[in-house]
Amino acid sequence: MGLNATAGNGDSNVKYYGASYMAQLGLATNAIVLLNHLCYASGDSEWGTGKPTLAVAQTRVDGYASGFLSGNARAVIAEGMGSLSPYIDALFSTHQTIDQMWKTYPGFHNHVTSWGSTYNAGYTSQIDPNLDNPAPDGDVYYRSLVSLPGLTTDDIGRAKTYDPATYVPLTPARILDTRDGTGLSGAFTSRAARTFQVTGRGGVPANAIAVTGNLTVTGQTSRGYLYVGPEPMNNPTTSTLNFPVGDDRANAVTVALGGGGTLSVTYASPNNGTTAHAIFDVTGYFTPDTSGATYVPITPARLLDSRSGTGLSGAFSSHVARTFGVTGGVVPAQATAVTGNLTVTGQTSAGFLYVGPIPMNNPTSSTLNFPLGDDRASAVTVALGAGGTLSVTYAASTLGPTAQVIFDVTGYFTPGTSGAKYVPLTPARLVDTRFNTGLSGPCSSHVARTWQVTGGIVPSNATAVTGNLTVTGQTSLGFLYMGPVAMNDPTSSTLNFPLGDDRANAVTVALGTGGTLSVTYAAPTLGPTAHVIFDATGYFVP
């Protein structure tokens, strides 16, 4: 988007605002963008400058569409000369794919060239030059389409829907590790989406519609974030895992699967050419039937704090698995899995924590990665072991180091239909205080704030949601609490962070009265502020 930077200084006085601003438009789910009389958008040149090469026309089409696609659009049509009225009529009165709609336009020339979009992974780009009747200056590129394959007129403005599903926990299994070629081979390149198979691996069946798991980044050459979701996006509009350079970092996910039982991952960095390795451990799956377990959310409760002797007493030693009881209190004996938040503090060496149903001194998957001197938390959805227990291992590079471990439970899964079923969503941003989405302005320390969750993509009968909570722009270290009840001084934490570190953590959290959630930024003192972001990935209904 080029505009004159100042008035009255000629057309060469242009400022380019670019795709990043298009991404902030907040378009409806599966929006379609119609562009009219914009030469470059359809691949053409300015009037009188002649016909560009095919390669230049393709670059213009992809480049102009990419910003809108980043802003939630799933198709961009550019008509340089013709009217948009036939498209508007077709969108509201026909049932066909967007590709069919474009090719039955009255001005269709039947000279289509198609290619996989260079800037927008998973999208198809097309141009339809008027080779039979060029303009007087030779221009022919007046029609273009960039769209998600299979998108229909019935999809416009509507999110993909899923049937309510029940949950089956799994012993954690690694199904993606780009370091050794598991799932995908070789490091991710910035803003190049890649897709890997989930169903048929790690115990996930073909009829699964969503999974739980743990996403880890390592070997990144620049700061940035990872996105994981059902659709490949070079420029994703939500984030899953934020990180600086030189820090192995993990985050839990509950995420819908894409077509064919796949997931797509994008490494997004502010710099071109940077790379990162990604790891994904699956911990369970959802199927649209009653064969699995249903979910019961609870107000967060602390079951383990080795500092105070809650659950287990004394610090964990490296590579010594320890087991604590989960059922028998707020979690009933028949529970098969739980959701919660795992936190490390007081570690004397960098390393990782593993939590799972089986005690392992040398675990083959990780739940929470951390350096020295950084209190860090990660959400979990994890199967319970024999007798309703969980086992935790602190794994450092050597024997001898110690760490303190905390676990807050936020809900549990039980067999049968007495609890709630899960409905996954394509990730959607509900709160971003930087742009006054959901809440306006930054959060102040120890001042709880509440926003409405239900009423849009989350229905009014939802009892809990899954999603991703992110902090940025904090002026002091501290933590975020998120839950159904507003608390200025919360007794449990959701996301721990230092100063100057954008950080995210997954959540599975009960909704409050009227379908709300509350968030509190807790710093050591009053006065500091922080911006908060929340992306919803699904919800539970009775």
Protein backbone atom coordinates (compact mmCIF):
# COMPACT_ATOMS: atom_id res chain seq x y z
CA MET A 1 0.00 0.00 0.00
CA GLY A 2 1.87 3.05 -1.29
CA LEU A 3 0.64 6.50 -0.27
CA ASN A 4 2.11 9.99 -0.61
CA ALA A 5 4.13 10.62 2.54
CA THR A 6 3.51 14.38 2.35
CA ALA A 7 1.11 16.44 0.25
CA GLY A 8 2.06 18.43 -2.85
CA ASN A 9 5.45 16.89 -3.59
CA GLY A 10 4.65 14.72 -6.62
CA ASP A 11 3.94 11.06 -7.18
CA SER A 12 7.52 10.00 -6.44
CA ASN A 13 6.96 11.01 -2.82
CA VAL A 14 5.65 7.60 -1.71
CA LYS A 15 5.73 5.75 1.59
CA TYR A 16 5.19 1.96 1.48
CA TYR A 17 3.13 0.71 4.42
CA GLY A 18 3.09 -2.91 3.40
CA ALA A 19 1.58 -6.25 4.23
CA SER A 20 2.07 -5.96 7.99
CA TYR A 21 -0.69 -3.33 8.10
CA MET A 22 -3.02 -5.48 6.00
CA ALA A 23 -2.52 -8.26 8.57
CA GLN A 24 -4.05 -6.00 11.26
CA LEU A 25 -7.36 -5.49 9.42
CA GLY A 26 -9.10 -8.18 11.45
CA LEU A 27 -11.07 -9.54 8.51
CA ALA A 28 -13.81 -12.12 9.02
CA THR A 29 -12.89 -15.79 8.94
CA ASN A 30 -12.46 -16.95 5.31
CA ALA A 31 -12.95 -13.41 4.02
CA ILE A 32 -12.67 -12.74 0.29
CA VAL A 33 -11.07 -9.48 -0.90
CA LEU A 34 -12.17 -7.93 -4.22
CA LEU A 35 -9.81 -5.36 -5.77
CA ASN A 36 -10.86 -3.18 -8.71
CA HIS A 37 -8.84 -0.95 -11.08
CA LEU A 38 -5.52 -1.67 -9.32
CA CYS A 39 -3.07 -2.48 -12.11
CA TYR A 40 -0.34 -4.15 -10.07
CA ALA A 41 -2.79 -6.27 -8.06
CA SER A 42 -3.75 -8.22 -11.19
CA GLY A 43 -0.16 -8.38 -12.47
CA ASP A 44 -0.23 -5.47 -14.90
CA SER A 45 1.85 -2.31 -15.18
CA GLU A 46 0.77 1.31 -15.01
CA TRP A 47 -1.10 2.60 -18.03
CA GLY A 48 1.17 3.30 -21.01
CA THR A 49 4.23 1.40 -19.75
CA GLY A 50 3.56 -1.82 -21.70
CA LYS A 51 3.12 -5.45 -20.77
CA PRO A 52 5.33 -6.88 -17.98
CA THR A 53 6.96 -10.30 -18.27
CA LEU A 54 5.00 -13.26 -16.96
CA ALA A 55 7.43 -13.61 -14.03
CA VAL A 56 6.94 -9.97 -13.02
CA ALA A 57 3.14 -10.31 -13.31
CA GLN A 58 3.22 -13.41 -11.08
CA THR A 59 5.33 -11.63 -8.45
CA ARG A 60 2.90 -8.69 -8.39
CA VAL A 61 -0.13 -10.93 -7.97
CA ASP A 62 1.44 -12.92 -5.11
CA GLY A 63 2.87 -9.85 -3.40
CA TYR A 64 -0.32 -7.82 -3.48
CA ALA A 65 -2.41 -10.71 -2.12
CA SER A 66 -0.07 -11.72 0.71
CA GLY A 67 -0.95 -8.92 3.12
CA PHE A 68 -4.69 -9.55 2.86
CA LEU A 69 -4.18 -13.29 3.31
CA SER A 70 -2.16 -12.52 6.45
CA GLY A 71 -5.16 -10.54 7.68
CA ASN A 72 -7.52 -13.55 7.62
CA ALA A 73 -8.62 -13.41 3.96
CA ARG A 74 -8.62 -16.75 2.13
CA ALA A 75 -9.04 -15.40 -1.40
CA VAL A 76 -8.02 -12.21 -3.24
CA ILE A 77 -9.55 -11.39 -6.65
CA ALA A 78 -8.24 -8.48 -8.71
CA GLU A 79 -10.23 -7.18 -11.70
CA GLY A 80 -8.28 -4.42 -13.42
CA MET A 81 -10.94 -3.44 -15.94
CA GLY A 82 -14.26 -5.27 -15.36
CA SER A 83 -17.04 -4.76 -12.83
CA LEU A 84 -17.15 -6.51 -9.46
CA SER A 85 -20.94 -6.87 -9.53
CA PRO A 86 -20.96 -10.42 -10.98
CA TYR A 87 -18.72 -11.59 -8.10
CA ILE A 88 -20.94 -10.00 -5.47
CA ASP A 89 -24.03 -11.57 -7.06
CA ALA A 90 -22.35 -15.01 -7.16
CA LEU A 91 -21.12 -14.84 -3.56
CA PHE A 92 -24.66 -14.32 -2.27
CA SER A 93 -26.64 -16.50 -4.66
CA THR A 94 -24.56 -19.50 -5.82
CA HIS A 95 -23.00 -22.63 -4.30
CA GLN A 96 -19.67 -23.21 -6.06
CA THR A 97 -15.94 -22.98 -5.47
CA ILE A 98 -14.25 -19.59 -5.71
CA ASP A 99 -12.20 -21.00 -8.59
CA GLN A 100 -15.42 -21.87 -10.48
CA MET A 101 -16.85 -18.44 -9.73
CA TRP A 102 -13.72 -16.74 -11.11
CA LYS A 103 -13.72 -18.86 -14.27
CA THR A 104 -17.42 -18.26 -15.02
CA TYR A 105 -17.06 -14.45 -14.76
CA PRO A 106 -18.51 -12.76 -17.90
CA GLY A 107 -15.06 -11.39 -18.77
CA PHE A 108 -13.23 -14.74 -18.54
CA HIS A 109 -10.56 -15.00 -21.28
CA ASN A 110 -9.75 -18.74 -20.93
CA HIS A 111 -5.96 -18.19 -20.95
CA VAL A 112 -5.26 -19.26 -17.35
CA THR A 113 -1.78 -19.76 -15.92
CA SER A 114 -1.70 -21.31 -12.42
CA TRP A 115 1.12 -21.75 -9.89
CA GLY A 116 1.66 -22.47 -6.23
CA SER A 117 1.77 -19.06 -4.56
CA THR A 118 5.34 -18.00 -3.86
CA TYR A 119 4.54 -15.95 -0.74
CA ASN A 120 1.52 -17.85 0.56
CA ALA A 121 2.12 -21.55 1.23
CA GLY A 122 -0.88 -23.76 0.46
CA TYR A 123 -2.52 -21.15 -1.82
CA THR A 124 -2.96 -21.31 -5.60
CA SER A 125 -2.39 -18.22 -7.75
CA GLN A 126 -3.90 -17.73 -11.20
CA ILE A 127 -3.89 -15.09 -13.93
CA ASP A 128 -6.13 -14.91 -16.99
CA PRO A 129 -4.48 -12.56 -19.54
CA ASN A 130 -6.53 -11.04 -22.37
CA LEU A 131 -4.25 -12.38 -25.12
CA ASP A 132 -6.96 -12.07 -27.78
CA ASN A 133 -7.58 -8.36 -27.25
CA PRO A 134 -4.65 -6.55 -25.56
CA ALA A 135 -4.97 -2.93 -24.49
CA PRO A 136 -3.47 -0.30 -26.85
CA ASP A 137 -0.20 -0.27 -24.88
CA GLY A 138 0.04 -4.08 -24.95
CA ASP A 139 -1.24 -4.74 -21.41
CA VAL A 140 -2.98 -8.10 -20.95
CA TYR A 141 -2.85 -8.91 -17.21
CA TYR A 142 -6.19 -7.60 -15.94
CA ARG A 143 -7.49 -10.63 -13.99
CA SER A 144 -5.98 -12.59 -11.11
CA LEU A 145 -7.01 -14.89 -8.24
CA VAL A 146 -5.09 -16.13 -5.20
CA SER A 147 -7.15 -18.55 -3.13
CA LEU A 148 -7.14 -21.49 -0.77
CA PRO A 149 -7.93 -24.58 -2.91
CA GLY A 150 -11.45 -25.88 -2.41
CA LEU A 151 -12.77 -22.66 -0.84
CA THR A 152 -16.45 -22.21 -1.71
CA THR A 153 -18.94 -19.37 -1.74
CA ASP A 154 -20.61 -21.07 1.24
CA ASP A 155 -17.34 -20.82 3.23
CA ILE A 156 -17.00 -17.04 3.00
CA GLY A 157 -17.14 -15.49 6.45
CA ARG A 158 -17.52 -18.86 8.15
CA ALA A 159 -14.97 -20.88 10.07
CA LYS A 160 -14.56 -24.59 9.45
CA THR A 161 -16.77 -26.47 11.89
CA TYR A 162 -16.03 -29.64 13.82
CA ASP A 163 -18.25 -32.12 15.64
CA PRO A 164 -17.92 -32.27 19.44
CA ALA A 165 -15.27 -34.82 20.37
CA THR A 166 -14.06 -36.90 23.29
CA TYR A 167 -10.45 -37.29 24.40
CA VAL A 168 -8.06 -40.23 24.46
CA PRO A 169 -4.75 -39.62 26.27
CA LEU A 170 -1.51 -41.18 25.02
CA THR A 171 1.91 -41.80 26.47
CA PRO A 172 3.93 -38.93 24.90
CA ALA A 173 5.39 -39.87 21.49
CA ARG A 174 7.71 -37.81 19.27
CA ILE A 175 6.32 -37.45 15.75
CA LEU A 176 8.31 -34.41 14.56
CA ASP A 177 12.00 -33.65 15.02
CA THR A 178 13.62 -31.81 12.12
CA ARG A 179 17.08 -32.41 13.59
CA ASP A 180 16.97 -36.12 12.76
CA GLY A 181 14.36 -36.20 9.98
CA THR A 182 11.41 -37.41 12.07
CA GLY A 183 8.27 -36.11 10.36
CA LEU A 184 10.17 -33.49 8.36
CA SER A 185 13.83 -33.26 7.41
CA GLY A 186 15.96 -30.16 7.83
CA ALA A 187 15.47 -26.86 9.64
CA PHE A 188 12.55 -24.51 9.04
CA THR A 189 13.22 -21.33 7.07
CA SER A 190 11.53 -18.14 8.20
CA ARG A 191 7.98 -17.66 6.82
CA ALA A 192 7.93 -20.91 4.85
CA ALA A 193 5.08 -23.09 6.16
CA ARG A 194 5.65 -26.85 6.25
CA THR A 195 3.15 -29.67 6.82
CA PHE A 196 3.66 -33.03 8.54
CA GLN A 197 1.51 -36.12 9.05
CA VAL A 198 -0.10 -36.70 12.47
CA THR A 199 -2.75 -39.40 12.06
CA GLY A 200 -1.38 -42.90 11.73
CA ARG A 201 1.61 -41.99 13.90
CA GLY A 202 2.24 -42.04 17.66
CA GLY A 203 -1.06 -43.80 18.29
CA VAL A 204 -3.28 -41.13 16.65
CA PRO A 205 -6.07 -42.80 14.60
CA ALA A 206 -7.33 -41.74 11.18
CA ASN A 207 -10.60 -40.31 12.56
CA ALA A 208 -8.93 -37.86 14.99
CA ILE A 209 -9.95 -34.23 14.46
CA ALA A 210 -7.59 -32.62 17.00
CA VAL A 211 -4.58 -33.48 19.17
CA THR A 212 -2.80 -32.34 22.30
CA GLY A 213 0.96 -32.16 22.42
CA ASN A 214 4.10 -30.20 23.07
CA LEU A 215 5.85 -27.94 20.55
CA THR A 216 9.56 -27.17 21.05
CA VAL A 217 12.00 -24.89 19.22
CA THR A 218 15.77 -25.30 19.21
CA GLY A 219 18.72 -24.09 17.16
CA GLN A 220 16.97 -20.89 16.08
CA THR A 221 19.25 -18.34 14.42
CA SER A 222 16.95 -15.41 15.19
CA ARG A 223 14.21 -14.53 17.65
CA GLY A 224 10.64 -15.07 16.47
CA TYR A 225 7.72 -17.41 17.01
CA LEU A 226 6.29 -20.73 15.84
CA TYR A 227 2.72 -21.15 14.65
CA VAL A 228 1.08 -24.58 14.52
CA GLY A 229 -2.40 -25.12 13.10
CA PRO A 230 -4.57 -26.96 10.59
CA GLU A 231 -3.74 -24.67 7.65
CA PRO A 232 -0.33 -23.78 6.18
CA MET A 233 0.31 -20.04 6.58
CA ASN A 234 3.53 -18.28 5.61
CA ASN A 235 2.34 -15.22 7.49
CA PRO A 236 0.22 -16.56 10.36
CA THR A 237 -2.17 -14.30 12.25
CA THR A 238 -1.71 -16.13 15.59
CA SER A 239 1.33 -17.44 17.46
CA THR A 240 1.94 -20.60 19.48
CA LEU A 241 5.47 -20.33 20.86
CA ASN A 242 7.48 -17.08 21.23
CA PHE A 243 11.25 -17.16 21.80
CA PRO A 244 14.52 -15.21 21.68
CA VAL A 245 17.70 -16.53 20.07
CA GLY A 246 19.72 -19.16 21.96
CA ASP A 247 16.89 -20.51 24.15
CA ASP A 248 15.35 -23.97 23.72
CA ARG A 249 11.69 -23.36 24.52
CA ALA A 250 8.49 -25.46 24.61
CA ASN A 251 4.75 -24.85 24.76
CA ALA A 252 1.76 -27.16 24.97
CA VAL A 253 -0.90 -27.14 22.26
CA THR A 254 -4.47 -28.32 21.77
CA VAL A 255 -4.97 -27.94 18.04
CA ALA A 256 -7.34 -28.95 15.23
CA LEU A 257 -5.95 -31.20 12.50
CA GLY A 258 -6.01 -30.18 8.86
CA GLY A 259 -7.05 -32.13 5.78
CA GLY A 260 -5.71 -35.67 5.74
CA GLY A 261 -4.82 -35.56 9.44
CA THR A 262 -1.92 -33.11 9.19
CA LEU A 263 -0.50 -30.13 11.07
CA SER A 264 1.36 -27.17 9.60
CA VAL A 265 4.17 -25.24 11.30
CA THR A 266 5.62 -21.85 10.42
CA TYR A 267 8.75 -20.26 11.88
CA ALA A 268 8.21 -16.49 11.74
CA SER A 269 11.27 -14.29 12.19
CA PRO A 270 11.76 -10.56 11.57
CA ASN A 271 14.75 -11.44 9.37
CA ASN A 272 14.87 -13.29 6.04
CA GLY A 273 17.01 -16.39 5.74
CA THR A 274 16.95 -17.40 9.39
CA THR A 275 16.31 -21.02 10.40
CA ALA A 276 15.06 -23.04 13.36
CA HIS A 277 14.48 -26.68 14.29
CA ALA A 278 11.04 -27.76 15.55
CA ILE A 279 9.97 -30.76 17.67
CA PHE A 280 6.44 -32.02 18.35
CA ASP A 281 5.45 -34.65 20.92
CA VAL A 282 1.83 -35.85 20.76
CA THR A 283 0.11 -36.56 24.11
CA GLY A 284 -3.48 -37.38 23.07
CA TYR A 285 -6.22 -36.97 20.50
CA PHE A 286 -9.92 -36.10 20.09
CA THR A 287 -12.42 -38.13 18.03
CA PRO A 288 -16.03 -37.14 17.16
CA ASP A 289 -17.68 -39.96 19.09
CA THR A 290 -18.16 -41.12 22.69
CA SER A 291 -15.26 -43.60 22.78
CA GLY A 292 -13.01 -41.25 24.72
CA ALA A 293 -13.33 -39.14 27.86
CA THR A 294 -15.17 -35.89 28.52
CA TYR A 295 -13.74 -32.85 30.28
CA VAL A 296 -14.55 -31.19 33.61
CA PRO A 297 -12.90 -27.79 34.17
CA ILE A 298 -12.07 -26.64 37.71
CA THR A 299 -10.73 -23.52 39.36
CA PRO A 300 -6.92 -23.92 39.33
CA ALA A 301 -5.61 -25.81 42.37
CA ARG A 302 -2.00 -26.47 43.40
CA LEU A 303 -1.26 -30.21 43.76
CA LEU A 304 2.55 -30.10 43.76
CA ASP A 305 5.03 -27.61 45.18
CA SER A 306 8.29 -29.23 46.19
CA ARG A 307 9.39 -26.00 47.94
CA SER A 308 6.69 -26.31 50.59
CA GLY A 309 6.22 -30.09 50.65
CA THR A 310 2.91 -30.05 48.77
CA GLY A 311 2.65 -33.36 46.90
CA LEU A 312 6.37 -34.07 47.22
CA SER A 313 8.98 -32.69 49.62
CA GLY A 314 12.37 -31.36 48.61
CA ALA A 315 14.00 -30.47 45.31
CA PHE A 316 14.18 -32.84 42.36
CA SER A 317 17.58 -34.32 41.49
CA SER A 318 18.61 -34.62 37.86
CA HIS A 319 17.51 -37.87 36.15
CA VAL A 320 15.63 -39.19 39.18
CA ALA A 321 11.92 -39.68 38.38
CA ARG A 322 9.45 -38.91 41.18
CA THR A 323 5.72 -39.71 41.38
CA PHE A 324 2.91 -37.84 43.14
CA GLY A 325 -0.80 -38.49 43.64
CA VAL A 326 -3.34 -36.55 41.57
CA THR A 327 -6.73 -38.20 42.19
CA GLY A 328 -8.55 -38.33 45.50
CA GLY A 329 -9.20 -34.62 46.07
CA VAL A 330 -10.41 -32.14 43.45
CA VAL A 331 -9.68 -34.80 40.81
CA PRO A 332 -11.89 -37.91 41.16
CA ALA A 333 -10.60 -41.48 41.14
CA GLN A 334 -12.09 -42.28 37.72
CA ALA A 335 -10.16 -39.51 35.92
CA THR A 336 -7.98 -40.71 33.04
CA ALA A 337 -6.09 -37.47 32.30
CA VAL A 338 -5.70 -33.92 33.57
CA THR A 339 -4.93 -30.44 32.32
CA GLY A 340 -2.69 -28.13 34.27
CA ASN A 341 0.38 -25.95 34.46
CA LEU A 342 3.91 -27.19 35.19
CA THR A 343 6.44 -24.69 36.57
CA VAL A 344 10.16 -24.91 37.35
CA THR A 345 12.04 -22.65 39.76
CA GLY A 346 15.36 -22.69 41.62
CA GLN A 347 17.07 -24.89 39.03
CA THR A 348 20.85 -25.15 39.44
CA SER A 349 21.40 -26.09 35.79
CA ALA A 350 19.69 -25.72 32.43
CA GLY A 351 17.61 -28.70 31.34
CA PHE A 352 14.03 -29.86 30.91
CA LEU A 353 11.13 -31.36 32.83
CA TYR A 354 9.15 -34.38 31.68
CA VAL A 355 5.71 -35.15 33.09
CA GLY A 356 3.76 -38.26 32.16
CA PRO A 357 1.98 -41.39 33.36
CA ILE A 358 5.16 -43.50 33.59
CA PRO A 359 8.27 -42.71 35.69
CA MET A 360 11.34 -42.35 33.43
CA ASN A 361 14.80 -41.41 34.65
CA ASN A 362 15.83 -40.75 31.04
CA PRO A 363 12.66 -39.57 29.27
CA THR A 364 12.41 -39.58 25.48
CA SER A 365 10.19 -36.50 25.28
CA SER A 366 10.21 -33.13 27.03
CA THR A 367 7.45 -30.98 28.53
CA LEU A 368 9.21 -27.83 29.73
CA ASN A 369 12.64 -26.59 28.55
CA PHE A 370 14.53 -23.92 30.50
CA PRO A 371 17.90 -22.22 31.05
CA LEU A 372 19.49 -21.45 34.40
CA GLY A 373 17.91 -18.71 36.52
CA ASP A 374 14.53 -18.44 34.77
CA ASP A 375 11.22 -19.38 36.44
CA ARG A 376 9.29 -20.93 33.57
CA ALA A 377 5.87 -22.55 33.09
CA SER A 378 4.22 -24.76 30.49
CA ALA A 379 0.67 -26.05 30.19
CA VAL A 380 0.04 -29.79 29.96
CA THR A 381 -2.70 -32.18 28.97
CA VAL A 382 -1.43 -35.50 30.23
CA ALA A 383 -2.59 -39.07 30.86
CA LEU A 384 -2.63 -40.27 34.46
CA GLY A 385 -0.66 -43.33 35.49
CA ALA A 386 -1.68 -46.34 37.57
CA GLY A 387 -3.53 -45.30 40.73
CA GLY A 388 -4.16 -41.75 39.47
CA THR A 389 -0.57 -40.50 39.62
CA LEU A 390 1.83 -38.39 37.58
CA SER A 391 5.59 -38.72 37.35
CA VAL A 392 8.06 -35.88 36.85
CA THR A 393 11.73 -36.00 35.86
CA TYR A 394 14.20 -33.11 35.90
CA ALA A 395 16.76 -33.81 33.18
CA ALA A 396 20.00 -31.81 33.23
CA SER A 397 23.10 -32.56 31.17
CA THR A 398 24.78 -34.15 34.21
CA LEU A 399 23.82 -35.86 37.45
CA GLY A 400 23.75 -33.69 40.58
CA PRO A 401 21.81 -30.50 39.71
CA THR A 402 18.48 -29.88 41.45
CA ALA A 403 15.26 -28.00 40.73
CA GLN A 404 11.97 -27.17 42.44
CA VAL A 405 8.77 -28.19 40.63
CA ILE A 406 5.17 -26.85 40.86
CA PHE A 407 2.01 -28.28 39.31
CA ASP A 408 -1.43 -26.58 39.23
CA VAL A 409 -4.36 -28.67 37.99
CA THR A 410 -7.03 -26.89 35.89
CA GLY A 411 -9.35 -29.77 34.95
CA TYR A 412 -9.70 -33.50 34.29
CA PHE A 413 -11.08 -36.02 31.80
CA THR A 414 -13.42 -38.86 32.84
CA PRO A 415 -14.94 -41.77 30.86
CA GLY A 416 -18.54 -41.33 29.70
CA THR A 417 -20.52 -38.22 28.85
CA SER A 418 -20.93 -36.60 32.25
CA GLY A 419 -18.34 -33.97 31.37
CA ALA A 420 -17.97 -31.73 28.32
CA LYS A 421 -17.03 -32.54 24.73
CA TYR A 422 -14.37 -30.61 22.84
CA VAL A 423 -14.87 -28.57 19.66
CA PRO A 424 -11.63 -27.42 17.97
CA LEU A 425 -11.30 -24.10 16.16
CA THR A 426 -8.93 -22.66 13.63
CA PRO A 427 -6.82 -20.44 15.93
CA ALA A 428 -8.40 -16.98 16.31
CA ARG A 429 -7.19 -13.91 18.21
CA LEU A 430 -9.73 -12.76 20.84
CA VAL A 431 -7.57 -10.37 22.88
CA ASP A 432 -4.68 -8.09 21.90
CA THR A 433 -4.33 -5.10 24.19
CA ARG A 434 -1.83 -3.49 21.79
CA PHE A 435 -4.64 -2.94 19.26
CA ASN A 436 -7.61 -2.72 21.70
CA THR A 437 -8.91 -6.12 20.64
CA GLY A 438 -11.01 -7.55 23.48
CA LEU A 439 -9.42 -5.22 26.04
CA SER A 440 -8.13 -1.66 25.58
CA GLY A 441 -4.66 -0.66 26.68
CA PRO A 442 -2.03 -2.51 28.72
CA CYS A 443 -2.74 -4.36 31.96
CA SER A 444 -1.53 -2.77 35.20
CA SER A 445 0.10 -4.87 37.90
CA HIS A 446 -2.34 -6.51 40.35
CA VAL A 447 -5.45 -5.15 38.60
CA ALA A 448 -7.65 -7.99 37.32
CA ARG A 449 -9.40 -7.43 33.99
CA THR A 450 -12.30 -9.36 32.49
CA TRP A 451 -13.44 -9.80 28.89
CA GLN A 452 -16.25 -11.58 27.09
CA VAL A 453 -15.33 -14.89 25.42
CA THR A 454 -18.68 -16.36 24.37
CA GLY A 455 -21.02 -14.83 21.83
CA GLY A 456 -18.84 -15.09 18.71
CA ILE A 457 -16.91 -18.14 17.58
CA VAL A 458 -17.30 -19.55 21.12
CA PRO A 459 -20.99 -20.36 21.80
CA SER A 460 -22.89 -19.26 24.89
CA ASN A 461 -23.10 -22.80 26.32
CA ALA A 462 -19.30 -23.30 26.38
CA THR A 463 -17.91 -24.22 29.80
CA ALA A 464 -14.17 -23.91 29.06
CA VAL A 465 -11.77 -22.93 26.30
CA THR A 466 -8.33 -23.87 25.06
CA GLY A 467 -5.91 -21.31 23.72
CA ASN A 468 -2.60 -19.54 23.93
CA LEU A 469 -1.74 -16.69 26.32
CA THR A 470 1.12 -14.34 25.39
CA VAL A 471 2.79 -11.44 27.19
CA THR A 472 4.73 -8.64 25.49
CA GLY A 473 5.94 -5.15 26.34
CA GLN A 474 6.11 -5.88 30.08
CA THR A 475 7.88 -3.20 32.12
CA SER A 476 8.78 -5.63 34.94
CA LEU A 477 9.22 -9.34 35.45
CA GLY A 478 6.22 -11.19 36.89
CA PHE A 479 3.50 -13.60 35.89
CA LEU A 480 0.06 -13.70 34.30
CA TYR A 481 -2.88 -15.51 35.84
CA MET A 482 -5.91 -16.37 33.74
CA GLY A 483 -9.05 -18.02 35.05
CA PRO A 484 -12.81 -17.86 35.56
CA VAL A 485 -12.63 -15.57 38.63
CA ALA A 486 -11.12 -12.07 38.73
CA MET A 487 -8.26 -11.95 41.29
CA ASN A 488 -6.02 -8.97 41.93
CA ASP A 489 -3.70 -11.24 43.92
CA PRO A 490 -3.98 -14.70 42.31
CA THR A 491 -2.83 -17.84 44.12
CA SER A 492 -1.71 -19.69 41.00
CA SER A 493 0.19 -18.64 37.86
CA THR A 494 -0.36 -19.34 34.16
CA LEU A 495 2.63 -17.68 32.50
CA ASN A 496 5.93 -16.69 34.18
CA PHE A 497 8.33 -14.27 32.50
CA PRO A 498 11.33 -11.97 33.00
CA LEU A 499 11.67 -8.43 31.64
CA GLY A 500 12.13 -8.02 27.89
CA ASP A 501 11.00 -11.47 26.75
CA ASP A 502 7.85 -12.08 24.68
CA ARG A 503 6.56 -15.35 26.11
CA ALA A 504 3.55 -17.64 25.53
CA ASN A 505 1.85 -20.49 27.35
CA ALA A 506 -1.08 -22.69 26.39
CA VAL A 507 -4.18 -22.83 28.56
CA THR A 508 -7.19 -25.06 29.11
CA VAL A 509 -9.34 -22.95 31.38
CA ALA A 510 -12.88 -22.83 32.78
CA LEU A 511 -15.06 -19.89 31.77
CA GLY A 512 -16.54 -17.62 34.41
CA THR A 513 -20.09 -16.42 34.92
CA GLY A 514 -21.62 -15.20 31.66
CA GLY A 515 -18.84 -16.76 29.53
CA THR A 516 -15.98 -14.52 30.59
CA LEU A 517 -12.28 -14.86 31.40
CA SER A 518 -10.16 -12.74 33.71
CA VAL A 519 -6.47 -11.99 33.49
CA THR A 520 -4.10 -10.47 36.07
CA TYR A 521 -0.55 -9.24 35.53
CA ALA A 522 1.31 -9.74 38.81
CA ALA A 523 4.62 -7.89 39.21
CA PRO A 524 6.59 -7.55 42.48
CA THR A 525 5.28 -3.98 42.85
CA LEU A 526 2.31 -1.86 41.80
CA GLY A 527 2.75 0.33 38.72
CA PRO A 528 4.32 -1.84 35.97
CA THR A 529 2.26 -2.62 32.86
CA ALA A 530 2.17 -5.38 30.24
CA HIS A 531 0.34 -6.13 27.01
CA VAL A 532 -1.64 -9.38 26.82
CA ILE A 533 -2.64 -11.50 23.81
CA PHE A 534 -5.02 -14.47 23.78
CA ASP A 535 -5.67 -16.81 20.83
CA ALA A 536 -8.52 -19.30 21.15
CA THR A 537 -8.02 -22.79 19.70
CA GLY A 538 -11.23 -24.54 20.85
CA TYR A 539 -13.95 -24.86 23.48
CA PHE A 540 -15.82 -27.44 25.58
CA VAL A 541 -19.62 -27.83 25.58
CA PRO A 542 -21.88 -30.10 27.68
